Amino acid sequence: MGMFTSINIAATGMSVERLRSDVISNNIANASTTRTPEGGAFKKSMVILESVASSHPTWRMPFVNAEQDNGPGKGVRVREIVKDTTQGRLVYDPSNPDAIQSGPNKGYVEYPNVNIVNEMVNLISASRAYEANSTVVQGAKDMFSAALEIGRA
């Protein structure tokens, strides 16, 4: 394991959490958008993550394996950003230009499937995870400084 591995792992986490925050912020900003360029109401986006080490078939857990010295994981990355295709809430408003014009839901307007409370909880979670990774980077920097001080004495 290299000297800067912990910083690199934490940096992948910080990068992912920043992207998660951006996606969540976009969901919140479009919580009342009933018309999109694709047609229909806005559909919330979700970030799907995976371990960077998942591409190594011999990797078992984030600790050094005595049988195979694979070392710890390499961090996390975004696998994909997907749209949640569940239907949003329907509100009866036949005078709205975005109202459904035919079928059993005629006169209803579909609103985005974004729950503001859930999105705010997710945003706080992403913020806290970013802070935790930042603390790891700062701790590693402090350890490196202490090691240099020992070597200087």
N, C-alpha and C. Protein backbone atom coordinates (compact mmCIF):
# COMPACT_ATOMS: atom_id res chain seq x y z
N MET A 1 0.85 -1.17 0.00
CA MET A 1 0.00 0.00 0.00
C MET A 1 0.89 1.23 0.00
N GLY A 2 0.64 2.13 -0.92
CA GLY A 2 1.45 3.33 -1.06
C GLY A 2 1.16 4.36 0.02
N MET A 3 2.05 5.33 0.08
CA MET A 3 1.94 6.35 1.10
C MET A 3 0.68 7.21 0.94
N PHE A 4 0.27 7.45 -0.28
CA PHE A 4 -0.86 8.33 -0.53
C PHE A 4 -2.15 7.59 -0.85
N THR A 5 -2.19 6.29 -0.61
CA THR A 5 -3.38 5.49 -0.93
C THR A 5 -4.60 5.99 -0.18
N SER A 6 -4.45 6.30 1.11
CA SER A 6 -5.61 6.75 1.88
C SER A 6 -6.16 8.08 1.34
N ILE A 7 -5.27 8.94 0.90
CA ILE A 7 -5.73 10.21 0.32
C ILE A 7 -6.45 9.95 -1.01
N ASN A 8 -5.91 9.05 -1.82
CA ASN A 8 -6.55 8.74 -3.10
C ASN A 8 -7.93 8.13 -2.89
N ILE A 9 -8.07 7.24 -1.93
CA ILE A 9 -9.37 6.61 -1.66
C ILE A 9 -10.36 7.66 -1.19
N ALA A 10 -9.94 8.51 -0.25
CA ALA A 10 -10.83 9.57 0.25
C ALA A 10 -11.19 10.54 -0.87
N ALA A 11 -10.26 10.80 -1.78
CA ALA A 11 -10.54 11.72 -2.90
C ALA A 11 -11.62 11.15 -3.81
N THR A 12 -11.61 9.83 -4.03
CA THR A 12 -12.68 9.25 -4.85
C THR A 12 -14.03 9.43 -4.15
N GLY A 13 -14.04 9.26 -2.83
CA GLY A 13 -15.28 9.47 -2.08
C GLY A 13 -15.75 10.91 -2.16
N MET A 14 -14.83 11.86 -2.06
CA MET A 14 -15.21 13.28 -2.15
C MET A 14 -15.78 13.60 -3.53
N SER A 15 -15.18 13.06 -4.56
CA SER A 15 -15.64 13.30 -5.92
C SER A 15 -17.05 12.76 -6.13
N VAL A 16 -17.29 11.55 -5.64
CA VAL A 16 -18.60 10.92 -5.78
C VAL A 16 -19.66 11.70 -5.00
N GLU A 17 -19.34 12.11 -3.79
CA GLU A 17 -20.32 12.83 -2.96
C GLU A 17 -20.62 14.21 -3.54
N ARG A 18 -19.65 14.84 -4.19
CA ARG A 18 -19.92 16.11 -4.85
C ARG A 18 -20.91 15.91 -6.00
N LEU A 19 -20.71 14.86 -6.78
CA LEU A 19 -21.63 14.56 -7.88
C LEU A 19 -23.01 14.22 -7.33
N ARG A 20 -23.06 13.42 -6.26
CA ARG A 20 -24.35 13.09 -5.63
C ARG A 20 -25.08 14.36 -5.20
N SER A 21 -24.35 15.30 -4.61
CA SER A 21 -24.95 16.57 -4.18
C SER A 21 -25.51 17.34 -5.37
N ASP A 22 -24.78 17.33 -6.48
CA ASP A 22 -25.25 18.02 -7.68
C ASP A 22 -26.55 17.39 -8.21
N VAL A 23 -26.59 16.07 -8.24
CA VAL A 23 -27.78 15.37 -8.74
C VAL A 23 -28.97 15.62 -7.82
N ILE A 24 -28.75 15.56 -6.52
CA ILE A 24 -29.83 15.81 -5.56
C ILE A 24 -30.32 17.25 -5.68
N SER A 25 -29.39 18.19 -5.84
CA SER A 25 -29.78 19.60 -6.00
C SER A 25 -30.62 19.79 -7.26
N ASN A 26 -30.28 19.09 -8.32
CA ASN A 26 -31.07 19.15 -9.55
C ASN A 26 -32.47 18.60 -9.31
N ASN A 27 -32.57 17.51 -8.55
CA ASN A 27 -33.88 16.95 -8.23
C ASN A 27 -34.73 17.96 -7.47
N ILE A 28 -34.13 18.61 -6.47
CA ILE A 28 -34.86 19.59 -5.66
C ILE A 28 -35.28 20.78 -6.52
N ALA A 29 -34.39 21.23 -7.39
CA ALA A 29 -34.70 22.39 -8.23
C ALA A 29 -35.85 22.11 -9.19
N ASN A 30 -36.04 20.86 -9.57
CA ASN A 30 -37.09 20.49 -10.52
C ASN A 30 -38.28 19.81 -9.86
N ALA A 31 -38.45 20.01 -8.57
CA ALA A 31 -39.51 19.33 -7.82
C ALA A 31 -40.92 19.72 -8.27
N SER A 32 -41.07 20.79 -9.01
CA SER A 32 -42.40 21.17 -9.49
C SER A 32 -42.45 21.33 -11.01
N THR A 33 -41.49 20.77 -11.71
CA THR A 33 -41.43 20.86 -13.17
C THR A 33 -42.36 19.81 -13.79
N THR A 34 -43.42 20.28 -14.43
CA THR A 34 -44.38 19.35 -15.03
C THR A 34 -44.16 19.15 -16.53
N ARG A 35 -43.25 19.93 -17.11
CA ARG A 35 -42.99 19.79 -18.55
C ARG A 35 -41.49 19.81 -18.79
N THR A 36 -40.98 18.77 -19.41
CA THR A 36 -39.56 18.67 -19.72
C THR A 36 -39.37 18.56 -21.24
N PRO A 37 -38.17 18.79 -21.74
CA PRO A 37 -37.94 18.63 -23.19
C PRO A 37 -38.23 17.21 -23.69
N GLU A 38 -38.06 16.22 -22.80
CA GLU A 38 -38.35 14.84 -23.19
C GLU A 38 -39.85 14.56 -23.19
N GLY A 39 -40.62 15.43 -22.59
CA GLY A 39 -42.07 15.25 -22.48
C GLY A 39 -42.43 14.70 -21.12
N GLY A 40 -43.51 15.19 -20.58
CA GLY A 40 -43.98 14.72 -19.28
C GLY A 40 -43.29 15.41 -18.12
N ALA A 41 -43.63 14.93 -16.94
CA ALA A 41 -43.08 15.52 -15.71
C ALA A 41 -41.62 15.11 -15.53
N PHE A 42 -40.90 15.92 -14.76
CA PHE A 42 -39.51 15.62 -14.42
C PHE A 42 -39.46 14.31 -13.63
N LYS A 43 -38.48 13.48 -13.92
CA LYS A 43 -38.24 12.23 -13.17
C LYS A 43 -36.93 12.38 -12.42
N LYS A 44 -36.96 12.07 -11.13
CA LYS A 44 -35.74 12.26 -10.33
C LYS A 44 -34.63 11.33 -10.78
N SER A 45 -33.41 11.77 -10.57
CA SER A 45 -32.22 10.99 -10.91
C SER A 45 -31.62 10.40 -9.65
N MET A 46 -30.97 9.26 -9.81
CA MET A 46 -30.29 8.61 -8.69
C MET A 46 -28.90 8.20 -9.14
N VAL A 47 -27.92 8.33 -8.24
CA VAL A 47 -26.54 7.97 -8.53
C VAL A 47 -26.30 6.55 -8.02
N ILE A 48 -25.82 5.69 -8.89
CA ILE A 48 -25.48 4.31 -8.53
C ILE A 48 -23.97 4.22 -8.41
N LEU A 49 -23.50 3.77 -7.25
CA LEU A 49 -22.06 3.69 -6.98
C LEU A 49 -21.57 2.26 -7.00
N GLU A 50 -20.28 2.11 -7.20
CA GLU A 50 -19.64 0.80 -7.08
C GLU A 50 -18.22 1.00 -6.59
N SER A 51 -17.68 -0.04 -6.02
CA SER A 51 -16.31 -0.02 -5.53
C SER A 51 -15.36 -0.08 -6.71
N VAL A 52 -14.30 0.68 -6.65
CA VAL A 52 -13.29 0.62 -7.71
C VAL A 52 -12.65 -0.75 -7.72
N ALA A 53 -12.51 -1.35 -6.55
CA ALA A 53 -11.89 -2.67 -6.45
C ALA A 53 -12.80 -3.79 -6.93
N SER A 54 -14.07 -3.48 -7.25
CA SER A 54 -14.97 -4.55 -7.70
C SER A 54 -14.53 -5.14 -9.03
N SER A 55 -13.68 -4.45 -9.75
CA SER A 55 -13.18 -4.98 -11.01
C SER A 55 -12.07 -6.01 -10.80
N HIS A 56 -11.63 -6.19 -9.55
CA HIS A 56 -10.60 -7.18 -9.23
C HIS A 56 -11.29 -8.43 -8.67
N PRO A 57 -11.33 -9.54 -9.41
CA PRO A 57 -12.08 -10.71 -8.97
C PRO A 57 -11.55 -11.36 -7.69
N THR A 58 -10.30 -11.10 -7.32
CA THR A 58 -9.76 -11.73 -6.12
C THR A 58 -9.97 -10.89 -4.87
N TRP A 59 -10.49 -9.69 -5.03
CA TRP A 59 -10.69 -8.79 -3.90
C TRP A 59 -11.87 -9.29 -3.08
N ARG A 60 -11.68 -9.40 -1.75
CA ARG A 60 -12.72 -9.94 -0.88
C ARG A 60 -13.27 -8.91 0.10
N MET A 61 -12.41 -8.15 0.74
CA MET A 61 -12.85 -7.19 1.73
C MET A 61 -11.81 -6.08 1.85
N PRO A 62 -12.16 -4.99 2.49
CA PRO A 62 -11.23 -3.86 2.51
C PRO A 62 -10.10 -3.98 3.51
N PHE A 63 -9.54 -5.15 3.66
CA PHE A 63 -8.38 -5.37 4.52
C PHE A 63 -7.36 -6.19 3.73
N VAL A 64 -6.12 -6.12 4.14
CA VAL A 64 -5.09 -6.89 3.45
C VAL A 64 -5.37 -8.38 3.67
N ASN A 65 -5.45 -9.13 2.58
CA ASN A 65 -5.72 -10.56 2.64
C ASN A 65 -4.39 -11.30 2.77
N ALA A 66 -4.26 -12.13 3.79
CA ALA A 66 -3.00 -12.82 4.05
C ALA A 66 -2.64 -13.79 2.92
N GLU A 67 -3.65 -14.41 2.30
CA GLU A 67 -3.36 -15.37 1.23
C GLU A 67 -2.96 -14.67 -0.07
N GLN A 68 -3.64 -13.60 -0.38
CA GLN A 68 -3.34 -12.85 -1.61
C GLN A 68 -3.19 -11.40 -1.21
N ASP A 69 -2.03 -10.87 -1.35
CA ASP A 69 -1.77 -9.50 -0.90
C ASP A 69 -2.31 -8.50 -1.92
N ASN A 70 -3.65 -8.38 -1.94
CA ASN A 70 -4.30 -7.45 -2.87
C ASN A 70 -4.30 -6.03 -2.32
N GLY A 71 -4.15 -5.90 -1.03
CA GLY A 71 -4.24 -4.59 -0.41
C GLY A 71 -5.69 -4.18 -0.22
N PRO A 72 -5.89 -3.00 0.28
CA PRO A 72 -7.25 -2.52 0.51
C PRO A 72 -7.92 -2.12 -0.79
N GLY A 73 -9.20 -1.73 -0.70
CA GLY A 73 -9.92 -1.28 -1.87
C GLY A 73 -9.30 -0.02 -2.45
N LYS A 74 -9.73 0.36 -3.61
CA LYS A 74 -9.17 1.52 -4.31
C LYS A 74 -10.10 2.72 -4.28
N GLY A 75 -11.22 2.61 -3.61
CA GLY A 75 -12.15 3.73 -3.52
C GLY A 75 -13.48 3.39 -4.13
N VAL A 76 -14.19 4.43 -4.56
CA VAL A 76 -15.54 4.28 -5.09
C VAL A 76 -15.66 5.12 -6.36
N ARG A 77 -16.58 4.71 -7.23
CA ARG A 77 -16.82 5.47 -8.46
C ARG A 77 -18.31 5.38 -8.81
N VAL A 78 -18.72 6.26 -9.68
CA VAL A 78 -20.10 6.28 -10.15
C VAL A 78 -20.23 5.24 -11.26
N ARG A 79 -21.14 4.30 -11.06
CA ARG A 79 -21.40 3.32 -12.12
C ARG A 79 -22.32 3.93 -13.16
N GLU A 80 -23.39 4.60 -12.70
CA GLU A 80 -24.31 5.24 -13.63
C GLU A 80 -25.25 6.18 -12.88
N ILE A 81 -25.86 7.06 -13.62
CA ILE A 81 -26.91 7.91 -13.09
C ILE A 81 -28.19 7.50 -13.80
N VAL A 82 -29.17 7.05 -13.02
CA VAL A 82 -30.40 6.52 -13.61
C VAL A 82 -31.60 7.39 -13.23
N LYS A 83 -32.61 7.34 -14.06
CA LYS A 83 -33.87 8.04 -13.79
C LYS A 83 -34.82 7.08 -13.08
N ASP A 84 -35.50 7.58 -12.07
CA ASP A 84 -36.54 6.82 -11.37
C ASP A 84 -37.81 6.98 -12.18
N THR A 85 -38.31 5.90 -12.76
CA THR A 85 -39.44 5.99 -13.67
C THR A 85 -40.79 5.82 -12.98
N THR A 86 -40.83 5.79 -11.65
CA THR A 86 -42.13 5.68 -10.98
C THR A 86 -42.96 6.93 -11.26
N GLN A 87 -44.26 6.73 -11.26
CA GLN A 87 -45.15 7.84 -11.56
C GLN A 87 -45.20 8.80 -10.37
N GLY A 88 -45.23 10.09 -10.69
CA GLY A 88 -45.38 11.11 -9.66
C GLY A 88 -46.84 11.24 -9.25
N ARG A 89 -47.08 12.12 -8.31
CA ARG A 89 -48.46 12.29 -7.84
C ARG A 89 -49.30 12.98 -8.91
N LEU A 90 -50.57 12.61 -8.95
CA LEU A 90 -51.51 13.19 -9.90
C LEU A 90 -52.41 14.18 -9.17
N VAL A 91 -52.57 15.36 -9.76
CA VAL A 91 -53.42 16.40 -9.20
C VAL A 91 -54.43 16.79 -10.26
N TYR A 92 -55.71 16.80 -9.88
CA TYR A 92 -56.76 17.15 -10.84
C TYR A 92 -56.76 18.66 -11.07
N ASP A 93 -56.43 19.04 -12.30
CA ASP A 93 -56.40 20.45 -12.69
C ASP A 93 -56.59 20.51 -14.20
N PRO A 94 -57.84 20.37 -14.68
CA PRO A 94 -58.07 20.31 -16.14
C PRO A 94 -57.72 21.60 -16.87
N SER A 95 -57.59 22.73 -16.15
CA SER A 95 -57.25 23.99 -16.83
C SER A 95 -55.75 24.14 -17.06
N ASN A 96 -54.95 23.28 -16.46
CA ASN A 96 -53.50 23.34 -16.62
C ASN A 96 -53.13 22.88 -18.03
N PRO A 97 -52.25 23.59 -18.73
CA PRO A 97 -51.86 23.16 -20.08
C PRO A 97 -51.12 21.82 -20.10
N ASP A 98 -50.60 21.38 -18.96
CA ASP A 98 -49.89 20.09 -18.90
C ASP A 98 -50.80 18.95 -18.48
N ALA A 99 -52.11 19.20 -18.39
CA ALA A 99 -53.05 18.16 -17.96
C ALA A 99 -53.11 17.05 -19.01
N ILE A 100 -53.32 15.84 -18.56
CA ILE A 100 -53.45 14.69 -19.44
C ILE A 100 -54.75 14.86 -20.23
N GLN A 101 -54.68 14.69 -21.55
CA GLN A 101 -55.81 15.00 -22.42
C GLN A 101 -56.75 13.83 -22.69
N SER A 102 -56.31 12.60 -22.43
CA SER A 102 -57.17 11.46 -22.72
C SER A 102 -56.87 10.32 -21.76
N GLY A 103 -57.75 9.36 -21.77
CA GLY A 103 -57.56 8.18 -20.93
C GLY A 103 -58.20 8.33 -19.56
N PRO A 104 -57.96 7.37 -18.68
CA PRO A 104 -58.61 7.39 -17.37
C PRO A 104 -58.14 8.54 -16.47
N ASN A 105 -56.96 9.11 -16.76
CA ASN A 105 -56.44 10.21 -15.94
C ASN A 105 -56.66 11.57 -16.60
N LYS A 106 -57.67 11.66 -17.45
CA LYS A 106 -57.95 12.91 -18.17
C LYS A 106 -58.19 14.04 -17.17
N GLY A 107 -57.51 15.16 -17.40
CA GLY A 107 -57.67 16.33 -16.54
C GLY A 107 -56.67 16.37 -15.39
N TYR A 108 -55.93 15.30 -15.19
CA TYR A 108 -54.94 15.26 -14.11
C TYR A 108 -53.59 15.75 -14.62
N VAL A 109 -52.84 16.38 -13.74
CA VAL A 109 -51.47 16.82 -14.05
C VAL A 109 -50.53 15.95 -13.23
N GLU A 110 -49.56 15.35 -13.91
CA GLU A 110 -48.56 14.55 -13.19
C GLU A 110 -47.44 15.47 -12.74
N TYR A 111 -47.16 15.42 -11.44
CA TYR A 111 -46.06 16.19 -10.86
C TYR A 111 -44.85 15.27 -10.69
N PRO A 112 -43.65 15.83 -10.58
CA PRO A 112 -42.44 15.01 -10.45
C PRO A 112 -42.51 14.06 -9.26
N ASN A 113 -41.80 12.96 -9.39
CA ASN A 113 -41.74 11.95 -8.33
C ASN A 113 -40.65 12.28 -7.32
N VAL A 114 -40.49 13.56 -7.02
CA VAL A 114 -39.46 14.04 -6.11
C VAL A 114 -40.10 14.33 -4.76
N ASN A 115 -39.59 13.67 -3.71
CA ASN A 115 -40.03 13.93 -2.35
C ASN A 115 -38.97 14.84 -1.72
N ILE A 116 -39.33 16.09 -1.45
CA ILE A 116 -38.37 17.08 -0.97
C ILE A 116 -37.72 16.64 0.34
N VAL A 117 -38.49 16.05 1.23
CA VAL A 117 -37.93 15.62 2.53
C VAL A 117 -36.86 14.56 2.31
N ASN A 118 -37.15 13.56 1.48
CA ASN A 118 -36.15 12.52 1.20
C ASN A 118 -34.91 13.09 0.54
N GLU A 119 -35.12 14.02 -0.38
CA GLU A 119 -33.98 14.63 -1.08
C GLU A 119 -33.12 15.44 -0.12
N MET A 120 -33.74 16.14 0.81
CA MET A 120 -32.97 16.91 1.79
C MET A 120 -32.17 15.99 2.70
N VAL A 121 -32.76 14.86 3.11
CA VAL A 121 -32.03 13.88 3.92
C VAL A 121 -30.85 13.33 3.13
N ASN A 122 -31.07 13.02 1.86
CA ASN A 122 -29.98 12.53 1.01
C ASN A 122 -28.89 13.58 0.83
N LEU A 123 -29.29 14.84 0.73
CA LEU A 123 -28.31 15.92 0.58
C LEU A 123 -27.47 16.08 1.84
N ILE A 124 -28.10 15.97 3.00
CA ILE A 124 -27.36 16.03 4.27
C ILE A 124 -26.41 14.85 4.37
N SER A 125 -26.88 13.67 3.97
CA SER A 125 -26.03 12.47 3.98
C SER A 125 -24.81 12.64 3.08
N ALA A 126 -25.01 13.16 1.88
CA ALA A 126 -23.90 13.39 0.95
C ALA A 126 -22.92 14.42 1.52
N SER A 127 -23.46 15.44 2.16
CA SER A 127 -22.61 16.47 2.75
C SER A 127 -21.76 15.90 3.88
N ARG A 128 -22.37 15.07 4.73
CA ARG A 128 -21.64 14.46 5.85
C ARG A 128 -20.58 13.48 5.34
N ALA A 129 -20.90 12.73 4.30
CA ALA A 129 -19.92 11.80 3.74
C ALA A 129 -18.74 12.56 3.12
N TYR A 130 -19.02 13.69 2.48
CA TYR A 130 -17.96 14.52 1.93
C TYR A 130 -17.06 15.02 3.05
N GLU A 131 -17.68 15.49 4.15
CA GLU A 131 -16.90 15.98 5.29
C GLU A 131 -16.05 14.86 5.90
N ALA A 132 -16.60 13.65 5.99
CA ALA A 132 -15.85 12.53 6.55
C ALA A 132 -14.62 12.23 5.70
N ASN A 133 -14.79 12.24 4.38
CA ASN A 133 -13.65 11.99 3.50
C ASN A 133 -12.63 13.12 3.59
N SER A 134 -13.10 14.34 3.76
CA SER A 134 -12.19 15.47 3.93
C SER A 134 -11.39 15.32 5.22
N THR A 135 -12.02 14.82 6.27
CA THR A 135 -11.33 14.58 7.54
C THR A 135 -10.26 13.51 7.38
N VAL A 136 -10.52 12.49 6.58
CA VAL A 136 -9.52 11.46 6.31
C VAL A 136 -8.30 12.06 5.63
N VAL A 137 -8.53 12.92 4.64
CA VAL A 137 -7.42 13.57 3.94
C VAL A 137 -6.61 14.41 4.92
N GLN A 138 -7.30 15.18 5.77
CA GLN A 138 -6.60 16.01 6.74
C GLN A 138 -5.81 15.16 7.73
N GLY A 139 -6.39 14.04 8.18
CA GLY A 139 -5.69 13.15 9.11
C GLY A 139 -4.43 12.56 8.47
N ALA A 140 -4.53 12.18 7.20
CA ALA A 140 -3.35 11.64 6.50
C ALA A 140 -2.27 12.71 6.37
N LYS A 141 -2.66 13.93 6.07
CA LYS A 141 -1.68 15.02 5.98
C LYS A 141 -1.01 15.25 7.33
N ASP A 142 -1.78 15.19 8.41
CA ASP A 142 -1.20 15.36 9.74
C ASP A 142 -0.22 14.24 10.07
N MET A 143 -0.57 13.00 9.68
CA MET A 143 0.35 11.87 9.92
C MET A 143 1.65 12.04 9.13
N PHE A 144 1.54 12.49 7.89
CA PHE A 144 2.74 12.69 7.09
C PHE A 144 3.62 13.78 7.70
N SER A 145 3.00 14.84 8.20
CA SER A 145 3.77 15.91 8.85
C SER A 145 4.47 15.40 10.09
N ALA A 146 3.76 14.59 10.89
CA ALA A 146 4.36 14.03 12.09
C ALA A 146 5.53 13.11 11.75
N ALA A 147 5.37 12.34 10.68
CA ALA A 147 6.45 11.44 10.27
C ALA A 147 7.68 12.24 9.82
N LEU A 148 7.45 13.34 9.13
CA LEU A 148 8.57 14.17 8.70
C LEU A 148 9.26 14.80 9.90
N GLU A 149 8.51 15.19 10.91
CA GLU A 149 9.09 15.76 12.13
C GLU A 149 9.93 14.73 12.85
N ILE A 150 9.50 13.46 12.88
CA ILE A 150 10.27 12.40 13.52
C ILE A 150 11.60 12.21 12.78
N GLY A 151 11.50 12.21 11.44
CA GLY A 151 12.70 12.04 10.63
C GLY A 151 13.67 13.21 10.75
N ARG A 152 13.15 14.38 11.05
CA ARG A 152 14.00 15.57 11.16
C ARG A 152 14.75 15.58 12.49
N ALA A 153 14.18 14.94 13.51
CA ALA A 153 14.80 14.98 14.86
C ALA A 153 16.01 14.10 14.98
